[in-house]
PDB file of N, CA and C in Angstrom:
ATOM      1  N   MET A   1      -9.446  27.186  30.029  1.00  0.00           N
ATOM      2  CA  MET A   1     -10.861  26.405  29.163  1.00  0.00           C
ATOM      3  C   MET A   1      -9.976  26.252  27.941  1.00  0.00           C
ATOM      4  N   LYS A   2     -10.547  25.195  27.103  1.00  0.00           N
ATOM      5  CA  LYS A   2     -10.043  24.726  26.073  1.00  0.00           C
ATOM      6  C   LYS A   2     -11.046  25.087  24.700  1.00  0.00           C
ATOM      7  N   VAL A   3     -10.760  25.220  24.242  1.00  0.00           N
ATOM      8  CA  VAL A   3     -12.070  25.608  22.534  1.00  0.00           C
ATOM      9  C   VAL A   3     -12.165  24.458  21.821  1.00  0.00           C
ATOM     10  N   ASN A   4     -13.100  23.948  21.193  1.00  0.00           N
ATOM     11  CA  ASN A   4     -13.673  22.629  20.146  1.00  0.00           C
ATOM     12  C   ASN A   4     -13.563  23.372  19.244  1.00  0.00           C
ATOM     13  N   ASP A   5     -12.091  24.127  17.970  1.00  0.00           N
ATOM     14  CA  ASP A   5     -12.356  24.413  17.166  1.00  0.00           C
ATOM     15  C   ASP A   5     -12.103  23.153  16.352  1.00  0.00           C
ATOM     16  N   ARG A   6     -12.994  23.443  14.724  1.00  0.00           N
ATOM     17  CA  ARG A   6     -13.298  22.169  14.242  1.00  0.00           C
ATOM     18  C   ARG A   6     -12.332  22.603  12.567  1.00  0.00           C
ATOM     19  N   GLY A   7     -11.974  23.964  12.847  1.00  0.00           N
ATOM     20  CA  GLY A   7     -11.070  24.167  11.607  1.00  0.00           C
ATOM     21  C   GLY A   7     -12.124  24.637  10.762  1.00  0.00           C
ATOM     22  N   THR A   8     -11.653  24.284   9.066  1.00  0.00           N
ATOM     23  CA  THR A   8     -12.803  24.328   7.885  1.00  0.00           C
ATOM     24  C   THR A   8     -13.751  23.688   8.123  1.00  0.00           C
ATOM     25  N   MET A   9     -13.843  22.955   9.036  1.00  0.00           N
ATOM     26  CA  MET A   9     -15.077  22.187   9.306  1.00  0.00           C
ATOM     27  C   MET A   9     -16.645  22.374   9.471  1.00  0.00           C
ATOM     28  N   LYS A  10     -16.063  23.760  10.299  1.00  0.00           N
ATOM     29  CA  LYS A  10     -17.279  24.465  11.039  1.00  0.00           C
ATOM     30  C   LYS A  10     -17.577  25.396   9.558  1.00  0.00           C
ATOM     31  N   TRP A  11     -17.482  25.448   8.753  1.00  0.00           N
ATOM     32  CA  TRP A  11     -17.625  26.694   7.420  1.00  0.00           C
ATOM     33  C   TRP A  11     -18.477  25.709   6.535  1.00  0.00           C
ATOM     34  N   THR A  12     -18.350  23.689   6.535  1.00  0.00           N
ATOM     35  CA  THR A  12     -19.594  23.706   5.597  1.00  0.00           C
ATOM     36  C   THR A  12     -20.838  23.714   5.658  1.00  0.00           C
ATOM     37  N   SER A  13     -21.210  23.816   6.432  1.00  0.00           N
ATOM     38  CA  SER A  13     -22.754  24.161   6.203  1.00  0.00           C
ATOM     39  C   SER A  13     -23.290  25.723   5.488  1.00  0.00           C
ATOM     40  N   LEU A  14     -22.346  26.424   5.466  1.00  0.00           N
ATOM     41  CA  LEU A  14     -22.394  27.331   4.763  1.00  0.00           C
ATOM     42  C   LEU A  14     -22.024  27.556   3.402  1.00  0.00           C
ATOM     43  N   MET A  15     -21.579  26.553   2.885  1.00  0.00           N
ATOM     44  CA  MET A  15     -20.985  26.343   1.715  1.00  0.00           C
ATOM     45  C   MET A  15     -21.802  25.648   0.505  1.00  0.00           C
ATOM     46  N   LEU A  16     -21.929  25.581  -0.659  1.00  0.00           N
ATOM     47  CA  LEU A  16     -21.900  25.408  -1.511  1.00  0.00           C
ATOM     48  C   LEU A  16     -21.578  23.934  -1.789  1.00  0.00           C
ATOM     49  N   PRO A  17     -22.873  22.761  -2.326  1.00  0.00           N
ATOM     50  CA  PRO A  17     -22.435  21.140  -2.442  1.00  0.00           C
ATOM     51  C   PRO A  17     -20.975  21.134  -3.599  1.00  0.00           C
ATOM     52  N   GLU A  18     -20.839  21.731  -4.402  1.00  0.00           N
ATOM     53  CA  GLU A  18     -19.483  21.609  -4.877  1.00  0.00           C
ATOM     54  C   GLU A  18     -18.380  22.114  -3.843  1.00  0.00           C
ATOM     55  N   HIS A  19     -18.403  22.985  -3.188  1.00  0.00           N
ATOM     56  CA  HIS A  19     -17.243  23.806  -2.538  1.00  0.00           C
ATOM     57  C   HIS A  19     -17.336  22.229  -1.616  1.00  0.00           C
ATOM     58  N   ILE A  20     -18.175  21.991  -1.289  1.00  0.00           N
ATOM     59  CA  ILE A  20     -17.898  20.879   0.187  1.00  0.00           C
ATOM     60  C   ILE A  20     -17.442  19.749  -0.452  1.00  0.00           C
ATOM     61  N   GLU A  21     -17.542  19.212  -1.615  1.00  0.00           N
ATOM     62  CA  GLU A  21     -17.028  17.876  -2.569  1.00  0.00           C
ATOM     63  C   GLU A  21     -15.506  18.501  -3.187  1.00  0.00           C
ATOM     64  N   MET A  22     -15.365  19.574  -3.089  1.00  0.00           N
ATOM     65  CA  MET A  22     -13.742  20.299  -3.388  1.00  0.00           C
ATOM     66  C   MET A  22     -12.483  19.749  -1.878  1.00  0.00           C
ATOM     67  N   LEU A  23     -13.524  20.577  -1.137  1.00  0.00           N
ATOM     68  CA  LEU A  23     -12.889  20.457   0.083  1.00  0.00           C
ATOM     69  C   LEU A  23     -12.823  18.820   0.638  1.00  0.00           C
ATOM     70  N   ASN A  24     -13.704  17.718   0.357  1.00  0.00           N
ATOM     71  CA  ASN A  24     -13.521  16.473   0.992  1.00  0.00           C
ATOM     72  C   ASN A  24     -12.479  15.456  -0.227  1.00  0.00           C
ATOM     73  N   LYS A  25     -12.191  16.458  -1.410  1.00  0.00           N
ATOM     74  CA  LYS A  25     -11.064  15.596  -2.362  1.00  0.00           C
ATOM     75  C   LYS A  25     -10.139  16.342  -1.795  1.00  0.00           C
ATOM     76  N   MET A  26      -9.439  17.099  -1.146  1.00  0.00           N
ATOM     77  CA  MET A  26      -8.440  18.255  -1.258  1.00  0.00           C
ATOM     78  C   MET A  26      -8.102  17.214   0.559  1.00  0.00           C
ATOM     79  N   TRP A  27      -8.949  17.452   1.480  1.00  0.00           N
ATOM     80  CA  TRP A  27      -8.498  16.547   2.926  1.00  0.00           C
ATOM     81  C   TRP A  27      -8.459  15.013   2.500  1.00  0.00           C
ATOM     82  N   GLU A  28      -8.681  14.007   1.864  1.00  0.00           N
ATOM     83  CA  GLU A  28      -8.679  12.995   1.059  1.00  0.00           C
ATOM     84  C   GLU A  28      -7.541  12.843   0.265  1.00  0.00           C
ATOM     85  N   GLU A  29      -7.136  13.453  -0.437  1.00  0.00           N
ATOM     86  CA  GLU A  29      -5.274  13.532  -1.102  1.00  0.00           C
ATOM     87  C   GLU A  29      -4.528  13.961  -0.069  1.00  0.00           C
ATOM     88  N   GLN A  30      -4.583  14.448   0.794  1.00  0.00           N
ATOM     89  CA  GLN A  30      -3.548  15.141   1.824  1.00  0.00           C
ATOM     90  C   GLN A  30      -3.258  14.047   2.926  1.00  0.00           C
ATOM     91  N   GLU A  31      -4.295  12.901   3.064  1.00  0.00           N
ATOM     92  CA  GLU A  31      -4.112  11.343   3.357  1.00  0.00           C
ATOM     93  C   GLU A  31      -3.382  10.396   2.971  1.00  0.00           C
ATOM     94  N   HIS A  32      -2.866  10.710   1.476  1.00  0.00           N
ATOM     95  CA  HIS A  32      -2.000   9.613   0.277  1.00  0.00           C
ATOM     96  C   HIS A  32      -0.837   9.865   1.423  1.00  0.00           C
ATOM     97  N   ASN A  33      -0.081   8.287   0.853  1.00  0.00           N
ATOM     98  CA  ASN A  33       0.911   8.237   1.426  1.00  0.00           C
ATOM     99  C   ASN A  33       2.085   7.885  -0.259  1.00  0.00           C
ATOM    100  N   GLU A  34       3.077   8.269  -0.183  1.00  0.00           N
ATOM    101  CA  GLU A  34       3.919   8.277  -1.216  1.00  0.00           C
ATOM    102  C   GLU A  34       4.377   6.673  -1.232  1.00  0.00           C
ATOM    103  N   MET A  35       4.716   6.047  -2.410  1.00  0.00           N
ATOM    104  CA  MET A  35       5.755   5.202  -2.664  1.00  0.00           C
ATOM    105  C   MET A  35       7.297   5.316  -2.626  1.00  0.00           C
ATOM    106  N   PRO A  36       7.339   4.465  -0.936  1.00  0.00           N
ATOM    107  CA  PRO A  36       9.021   4.392  -0.790  1.00  0.00           C
ATOM    108  C   PRO A  36      10.004   4.241  -1.600  1.00  0.00           C
ATOM    109  N   VAL A  37      11.122   4.921  -2.225  1.00  0.00           N
ATOM    110  CA  VAL A  37      12.029   4.461  -2.833  1.00  0.00           C
ATOM    111  C   VAL A  37      12.819   3.116  -2.348  1.00  0.00           C
ATOM    112  N   LEU A  38      12.856   2.067  -2.706  1.00  0.00           N
ATOM    113  CA  LEU A  38      13.936   0.939  -2.113  1.00  0.00           C
ATOM    114  C   LEU A  38      15.432   0.523  -2.842  1.00  0.00           C
ATOM    115  N   ASP A  39      16.311   0.805  -1.916  1.00  0.00           N
ATOM    116  CA  ASP A  39      17.954   0.595  -2.547  1.00  0.00           C
ATOM    117  C   ASP A  39      17.329  -0.894  -3.336  1.00  0.00           C
ATOM    118  N   GLU A  40      18.695  -0.866  -3.923  1.00  0.00           N
ATOM    119  CA  GLU A  40      19.095  -2.278  -4.817  1.00  0.00           C
ATOM    120  C   GLU A  40      19.303  -3.423  -3.393  1.00  0.00           C
ATOM    121  N   GLN A  41      19.532  -2.855  -2.332  1.00  0.00           N
ATOM    122  CA  GLN A  41      19.561  -4.430  -0.999  1.00  0.00           C
ATOM    123  C   GLN A  41      18.557  -4.836  -0.717  1.00  0.00           C
ATOM    124  N   GLN A  42      17.344  -3.963  -0.523  1.00  0.00           N
ATOM    125  CA  GLN A  42      16.230  -4.025   0.302  1.00  0.00           C
ATOM    126  C   GLN A  42      15.362  -5.099  -1.099  1.00  0.00           C
ATOM    127  N   ILE A  43      16.080  -4.166  -2.568  1.00  0.00           N
ATOM    128  CA  ILE A  43      15.030  -5.130  -3.495  1.00  0.00           C
ATOM    129  C   ILE A  43      15.832  -6.575  -3.488  1.00  0.00           C
ATOM    130  N   ALA A  44      17.068  -6.848  -3.430  1.00  0.00           N
ATOM    131  CA  ALA A  44      18.004  -8.394  -3.619  1.00  0.00           C
ATOM    132  C   ALA A  44      17.282  -8.745  -3.010  1.00  0.00           C
ATOM    133  N   GLU A  45      16.930  -8.547  -1.533  1.00  0.00           N
ATOM    134  CA  GLU A  45      16.993  -9.101  -0.166  1.00  0.00           C
ATOM    135  C   GLU A  45      15.249  -9.783  -0.394  1.00  0.00           C
ATOM    136  N   ASN A  46      13.836  -8.979  -0.637  1.00  0.00           N
ATOM    137  CA  ASN A  46      13.006  -9.221  -1.173  1.00  0.00           C
ATOM    138  C   ASN A  46      12.630 -10.210  -2.245  1.00  0.00           C
ATOM    139  N   ASN A  47      13.692 -10.125  -3.423  1.00  0.00           N
ATOM    140  CA  ASN A  47      13.716 -11.042  -4.499  1.00  0.00           C
ATOM    141  C   ASN A  47      14.045 -12.194  -3.423  1.00  0.00           C
ATOM    142  N   MET A  48      14.958 -12.542  -2.662  1.00  0.00           N
ATOM    143  CA  MET A  48      15.664 -13.719  -1.904  1.00  0.00           C
ATOM    144  C   MET A  48      14.516 -14.672  -1.269  1.00  0.00           C
ATOM    145  N   LEU A  49      13.933 -13.757  -0.370  1.00  0.00           N
ATOM    146  CA  LEU A  49      12.708 -14.195   0.502  1.00  0.00           C
ATOM    147  C   LEU A  49      11.862 -14.717  -0.523  1.00  0.00           C
ATOM    148  N   LEU A  50      11.313 -13.820  -1.514  1.00  0.00           N
ATOM    149  CA  LEU A  50       9.955 -14.639  -2.529  1.00  0.00           C
ATOM    150  C   LEU A  50      10.833 -15.579  -3.513  1.00  0.00           C
ATOM    151  N   ARG A  51      11.995 -15.715  -3.696  1.00  0.00           N
ATOM    152  CA  ARG A  51      12.475 -16.980  -4.229  1.00  0.00           C
ATOM    153  C   ARG A  51      12.491 -18.289  -3.279  1.00  0.00           C
ATOM    154  N   ASP A  52      12.785 -18.258  -2.013  1.00  0.00           N
ATOM    155  CA  ASP A  52      12.936 -18.999  -0.695  1.00  0.00           C
ATOM    156  C   ASP A  52      11.864 -19.674  -0.346  1.00  0.00           C
ATOM    157  N   ALA A  53      10.483 -18.493  -0.235  1.00  0.00           N
ATOM    158  CA  ALA A  53       8.889 -18.742  -0.062  1.00  0.00           C
ATOM    159  C   ALA A  53       8.441 -20.098  -0.905  1.00  0.00           C
ATOM    160  N   LEU A  54       8.756 -19.690  -2.450  1.00  0.00           N
ATOM    161  CA  LEU A  54       7.844 -20.169  -3.622  1.00  0.00           C
ATOM    162  C   LEU A  54       8.626 -21.938  -3.253  1.00  0.00           C
ATOM    163  N   GLU A  55      10.071 -21.743  -3.632  1.00  0.00           N
ATOM    164  CA  GLU A  55      11.021 -23.252  -3.234  1.00  0.00           C
ATOM    165  C   GLU A  55      10.293 -23.578  -2.622  1.00  0.00           C
ATOM    166  N   ASN A  56      10.518 -23.525  -1.682  1.00  0.00           N
ATOM    167  CA  ASN A  56       9.900 -23.968   0.273  1.00  0.00           C
ATOM    168  C   ASN A  56       8.501 -24.028   0.666  1.00  0.00           C
ATOM    169  N   ASP A  57       7.387 -23.748  -0.438  1.00  0.00           N
ATOM    170  CA  ASP A  57       6.101 -23.541  -0.027  1.00  0.00           C
ATOM    171  C   ASP A  57       6.282 -22.995   1.375  1.00  0.00           C
ATOM    172  N   LEU A  58       7.235 -21.841   1.737  1.00  0.00           N
ATOM    173  CA  LEU A  58       6.922 -20.906   2.912  1.00  0.00           C
ATOM    174  C   LEU A  58       5.673 -20.168   3.391  1.00  0.00           C
ATOM    175  N   GLU A  59       4.963 -19.639   4.260  1.00  0.00           N
ATOM    176  CA  GLU A  59       4.159 -18.500   4.260  1.00  0.00           C
ATOM    177  C   GLU A  59       5.000 -17.312   4.520  1.00  0.00           C
ATOM    178  N   ILE A  60       4.587 -16.374   4.307  1.00  0.00           N
ATOM    179  CA  ILE A  60       5.012 -15.396   3.681  1.00  0.00           C
ATOM    180  C   ILE A  60       4.202 -13.706   4.246  1.00  0.00           C
ATOM    181  N   ARG A  61       5.128 -12.695   4.871  1.00  0.00           N
ATOM    182  CA  ARG A  61       3.933 -11.530   4.926  1.00  0.00           C
ATOM    183  C   ARG A  61       4.463 -10.346   4.221  1.00  0.00           C
ATOM    184  N   ILE A  62       3.301  -9.689   3.141  1.00  0.00           N
ATOM    185  CA  ILE A  62       4.071  -9.230   1.924  1.00  0.00           C
ATOM    186  C   ILE A  62       3.670  -7.421   2.841  1.00  0.00           C
ATOM    187  N   LYS A  63       4.105  -6.759   2.425  1.00  0.00           N
ATOM    188  CA  LYS A  63       3.555  -4.861   2.565  1.00  0.00           C
ATOM    189  C   LYS A  63       4.175  -4.588   1.404  1.00  0.00           C
ATOM    190  N   TYR A  64       3.231  -4.012   0.818  1.00  0.00           N
ATOM    191  CA  TYR A  64       3.224  -3.461  -0.337  1.00  0.00           C
ATOM    192  C   TYR A  64       2.267  -2.603  -0.327  1.00  0.00           C
ATOM    193  N   TYR A  65       2.628  -1.533  -1.903  1.00  0.00           N
ATOM    194  CA  TYR A  65       1.841  -0.412  -2.229  1.00  0.00           C
ATOM    195  C   TYR A  65       0.877  -0.136  -3.030  1.00  0.00           C
ATOM    196  N   VAL A  66      -0.416  -0.324  -2.856  1.00  0.00           N
ATOM    197  CA  VAL A  66      -1.327   0.442  -4.160  1.00  0.00           C
ATOM    198  C   VAL A  66      -2.340   1.066  -3.743  1.00  0.00           C
ATOM    199  N   ASP A  67      -2.648   1.698  -4.659  1.00  0.00           N
ATOM    200  CA  ASP A  67      -3.908   3.242  -4.719  1.00  0.00           C
ATOM    201  C   ASP A  67      -3.614   4.020  -3.156  1.00  0.00           C
ATOM    202  N   HIS A  68      -2.318   4.312  -3.067  1.00  0.00           N
ATOM    203  CA  HIS A  68      -1.412   5.427  -2.466  1.00  0.00           C
ATOM    204  C   HIS A  68      -1.934   4.984  -0.997  1.00  0.00           C
ATOM    205  N   GLU A  69      -2.065   4.137  -0.906  1.00  0.00           N
ATOM    206  CA  GLU A  69      -2.211   3.401   0.570  1.00  0.00           C
ATOM    207  C   GLU A  69      -0.745   2.067   0.770  1.00  0.00           C
ATOM    208  N   TYR A  70      -0.778   1.861   2.103  1.00  0.00           N
ATOM    209  CA  TYR A  70       0.176   0.657   2.329  1.00  0.00           C
ATOM    210  C   TYR A  70      -0.674  -0.857   2.893  1.00  0.00           C
ATOM    211  N   LYS A  71      -0.501  -1.361   1.999  1.00  0.00           N
ATOM    212  CA  LYS A  71      -1.123  -2.431   2.434  1.00  0.00           C
ATOM    213  C   LYS A  71      -0.337  -3.691   2.866  1.00  0.00           C
ATOM    214  N   THR A  72      -0.591  -5.141   4.105  1.00  0.00           N
ATOM    215  CA  THR A  72      -0.189  -5.978   4.530  1.00  0.00           C
ATOM    216  C   THR A  72      -0.965  -7.223   4.029  1.00  0.00           C
ATOM    217  N   ILE A  73      -0.031  -8.588   3.540  1.00  0.00           N
ATOM    218  CA  ILE A  73      -1.298  -9.522   3.195  1.00  0.00           C
ATOM    219  C   ILE A  73       0.150 -10.735   4.082  1.00  0.00           C
ATOM    220  N   GLU A  74      -0.662 -11.891   4.013  1.00  0.00           N
ATOM    221  CA  GLU A  74      -0.293 -12.827   4.552  1.00  0.00           C
ATOM    222  C   GLU A  74      -0.823 -14.240   3.849  1.00  0.00           C
ATOM    223  N   GLY A  75       0.462 -15.238   3.413  1.00  0.00           N
ATOM    224  CA  GLY A  75      -0.267 -15.928   2.752  1.00  0.00           C
ATOM    225  C   GLY A  75       1.513 -17.079   2.254  1.00  0.00           C
ATOM    226  N   ARG A  76       1.024 -17.666   1.079  1.00  0.00           N
ATOM    227  CA  ARG A  76       1.816 -18.825   0.443  1.00  0.00           C
ATOM    228  C   ARG A  76       1.829 -18.244  -1.089  1.00  0.00           C
ATOM    229  N   LEU A  77       2.657 -18.149  -1.652  1.00  0.00           N
ATOM    230  CA  LEU A  77       2.327 -17.956  -2.626  1.00  0.00           C
ATOM    231  C   LEU A  77       2.484 -19.072  -4.063  1.00  0.00           C
ATOM    232  N   LEU A  78       1.708 -18.807  -4.870  1.00  0.00           N
ATOM    233  CA  LEU A  78       1.405 -19.657  -5.839  1.00  0.00           C
ATOM    234  C   LEU A  78       2.727 -19.676  -7.144  1.00  0.00           C
ATOM    235  N   TYR A  79       2.752 -18.459  -7.634  1.00  0.00           N
ATOM    236  CA  TYR A  79       3.689 -18.604  -8.180  1.00  0.00           C
ATOM    237  C   TYR A  79       3.505 -16.754  -8.822  1.00  0.00           C
ATOM    238  N   ILE A  80       5.506 -16.652  -9.386  1.00  0.00           N
ATOM    239  CA  ILE A  80       5.493 -15.440 -10.034  1.00  0.00           C
ATOM    240  C   ILE A  80       5.938 -15.288 -11.195  1.00  0.00           C
ATOM    241  N   ASP A  81       4.936 -14.294 -11.509  1.00  0.00           N
ATOM    242  CA  ASP A  81       4.894 -13.716 -13.234  1.00  0.00           C
ATOM    243  C   ASP A  81       6.290 -13.136 -13.812  1.00  0.00           C
ATOM    244  N   ILE A  82       7.237 -13.649 -14.231  1.00  0.00           N
ATOM    245  CA  ILE A  82       8.732 -12.715 -14.329  1.00  0.00           C
ATOM    246  C   ILE A  82       8.029 -11.972 -15.658  1.00  0.00           C
ATOM    247  N   LEU A  83       7.586 -12.688 -16.675  1.00  0.00           N
ATOM    248  CA  LEU A  83       7.381 -11.232 -17.871  1.00  0.00           C
ATOM    249  C   LEU A  83       6.372 -10.161 -17.639  1.00  0.00           C
ATOM    250  N   ASN A  84       5.759 -10.417 -16.654  1.00  0.00           N
ATOM    251  CA  ASN A  84       4.420  -9.241 -17.146  1.00  0.00           C
ATOM    252  C   ASN A  84       4.625  -8.896 -15.025  1.00  0.00           C
ATOM    253  N   GLU A  85       6.064  -9.337 -14.624  1.00  0.00           N
ATOM    254  CA  GLU A  85       6.143  -9.030 -13.321  1.00  0.00           C
ATOM    255  C   GLU A  85       5.319  -8.704 -12.119  1.00  0.00           C
ATOM    256  N   ARG A  86       4.663  -9.531 -12.043  1.00  0.00           N
ATOM    257  CA  ARG A  86       3.615 -10.019 -11.310  1.00  0.00           C
ATOM    258  C   ARG A  86       3.622 -11.319 -10.216  1.00  0.00           C
ATOM    259  N   LEU A  87       3.072 -11.236  -9.271  1.00  0.00           N
ATOM    260  CA  LEU A  87       3.551 -12.073  -8.070  1.00  0.00           C
ATOM    261  C   LEU A  87       1.208 -12.600  -7.822  1.00  0.00           C
ATOM    262  N   PHE A  88       1.625 -13.591  -7.607  1.00  0.00           N
ATOM    263  CA  PHE A  88       0.436 -14.279  -7.397  1.00  0.00           C
ATOM    264  C   PHE A  88       0.184 -15.343  -6.105  1.00  0.00           C
ATOM    265  N   THR A  89      -0.246 -14.629  -4.933  1.00  0.00           N
ATOM    266  CA  THR A  89      -0.935 -15.408  -3.850  1.00  0.00           C
ATOM    267  C   THR A  89      -1.880 -16.155  -4.178  1.00  0.00           C
ATOM    268  N   ASP A  90      -2.782 -16.734  -2.754  1.00  0.00           N
ATOM    269  CA  ASP A  90      -3.833 -17.723  -2.817  1.00  0.00           C
ATOM    270  C   ASP A  90      -5.072 -16.862  -2.837  1.00  0.00           C
ATOM    271  N   GLU A  91      -4.511 -15.119  -2.220  1.00  0.00           N
ATOM    272  CA  GLU A  91      -5.888 -14.136  -2.705  1.00  0.00           C
ATOM    273  C   GLU A  91      -5.772 -13.222  -3.724  1.00  0.00           C
ATOM    274  N   ILE A  92      -5.013 -12.698  -4.130  1.00  0.00           N
ATOM    275  CA  ILE A  92      -4.489 -11.806  -4.864  1.00  0.00           C
ATOM    276  C   ILE A  92      -3.201 -11.428  -5.546  1.00  0.00           C
ATOM    277  N   GLU A  93      -3.084 -10.690  -6.691  1.00  0.00           N
ATOM    278  CA  GLU A  93      -2.066 -10.080  -7.523  1.00  0.00           C
ATOM    279  C   GLU A  93      -1.561  -9.278  -7.051  1.00  0.00           C
ATOM    280  N   ILE A  94      -0.109  -9.328  -7.123  1.00  0.00           N
ATOM    281  CA  ILE A  94       0.344  -7.635  -6.819  1.00  0.00           C
ATOM    282  C   ILE A  94       1.843  -7.747  -7.720  1.00  0.00           C
ATOM    283  N   LYS A  95       2.057  -6.486  -8.147  1.00  0.00           N
ATOM    284  CA  LYS A  95       2.802  -5.832  -8.741  1.00  0.00           C
ATOM    285  C   LYS A  95       4.357  -5.911  -8.507  1.00  0.00           C
ATOM    286  N   LEU A  96       5.367  -6.705  -8.328  1.00  0.00           N
ATOM    287  CA  LEU A  96       6.733  -6.396  -8.403  1.00  0.00           C
ATOM    288  C   LEU A  96       7.084  -5.408  -7.720  1.00  0.00           C
ATOM    289  N   GLU A  97       7.166  -4.395  -8.957  1.00  0.00           N
ATOM    290  CA  GLU A  97       7.677  -2.813  -8.307  1.00  0.00           C
ATOM    291  C   GLU A  97       7.064  -2.512  -6.952  1.00  0.00           C
ATOM    292  N   HIS A  98       5.580  -2.960  -6.592  1.00  0.00           N
ATOM    293  CA  HIS A  98       4.876  -2.741  -5.840  1.00  0.00           C
ATOM    294  C   HIS A  98       5.665  -3.347  -4.220  1.00  0.00           C
ATOM    295  N   ILE A  99       6.127  -3.933  -4.508  1.00  0.00           N
ATOM    296  CA  ILE A  99       6.210  -4.722  -2.982  1.00  0.00           C
ATOM    297  C   ILE A  99       7.617  -4.010  -2.621  1.00  0.00           C
ATOM    298  N   ILE A 100       7.191  -3.649  -0.691  1.00  0.00           N
ATOM    299  CA  ILE A 100       8.225  -2.723   0.006  1.00  0.00           C
ATOM    300  C   ILE A 100       8.453  -3.986   0.827  1.00  0.00           C
ATOM    301  N   GLU A 101       8.022  -4.633   1.699  1.00  0.00           N
ATOM    302  CA  GLU A 101       9.048  -5.633   2.231  1.00  0.00           C
ATOM    303  C   GLU A 101       8.260  -7.112   2.503  1.00  0.00           C
ATOM    304  N   VAL A 102       9.637  -8.158   2.698  1.00  0.00           N
ATOM    305  CA  VAL A 102       8.648  -9.473   2.537  1.00  0.00           C
ATOM    306  C   VAL A 102       9.476 -10.169   3.807  1.00  0.00           C
ATOM    307  N   ILE A 103       8.847 -10.775   4.399  1.00  0.00           N
ATOM    308  CA  ILE A 103       9.093 -11.365   6.012  1.00  0.00           C
ATOM    309  C   ILE A 103       8.350 -12.459   5.894  1.00  0.00           C
ATOM    310  N   LEU A 104       9.120 -13.566   6.125  1.00  0.00           N
ATOM    311  CA  LEU A 104       9.349 -15.037   6.511  1.00  0.00           C
ATOM    312  C   LEU A 104       8.483 -14.686   7.565  1.00  0.00           C
ATOM    313  N   LEU A 105       7.265 -16.340   7.923  1.00  0.00           N
ATOM    314  CA  LEU A 105       6.416 -16.453   8.964  1.00  0.00           C
ATOM    315  C   LEU A 105       7.088 -17.779   9.736  1.00  0.00           C
TER     316      LEU A 105
END
């Protein structure tokens, strides 16, 4: 016979609202991802693919890190702002330091 134990969730009905908020915040923080550290070779390859995509108007898929999450976007590059280290697509703006992986489609 298997017992369905909900862990700390079963005690929330006996807690004050402040405690429930603290538990929810703790659970949310446990789900945060860390920004991966890229080596120089991966950064150089990403830069080369970004340059090729911009010069030849190619579609790309960019995996990037924002707000403790990994996100992916597909589209075409509009331009790259080197001074402010930002990349602009037809949908969003991404910091160059947050780019994890670039794939040409």
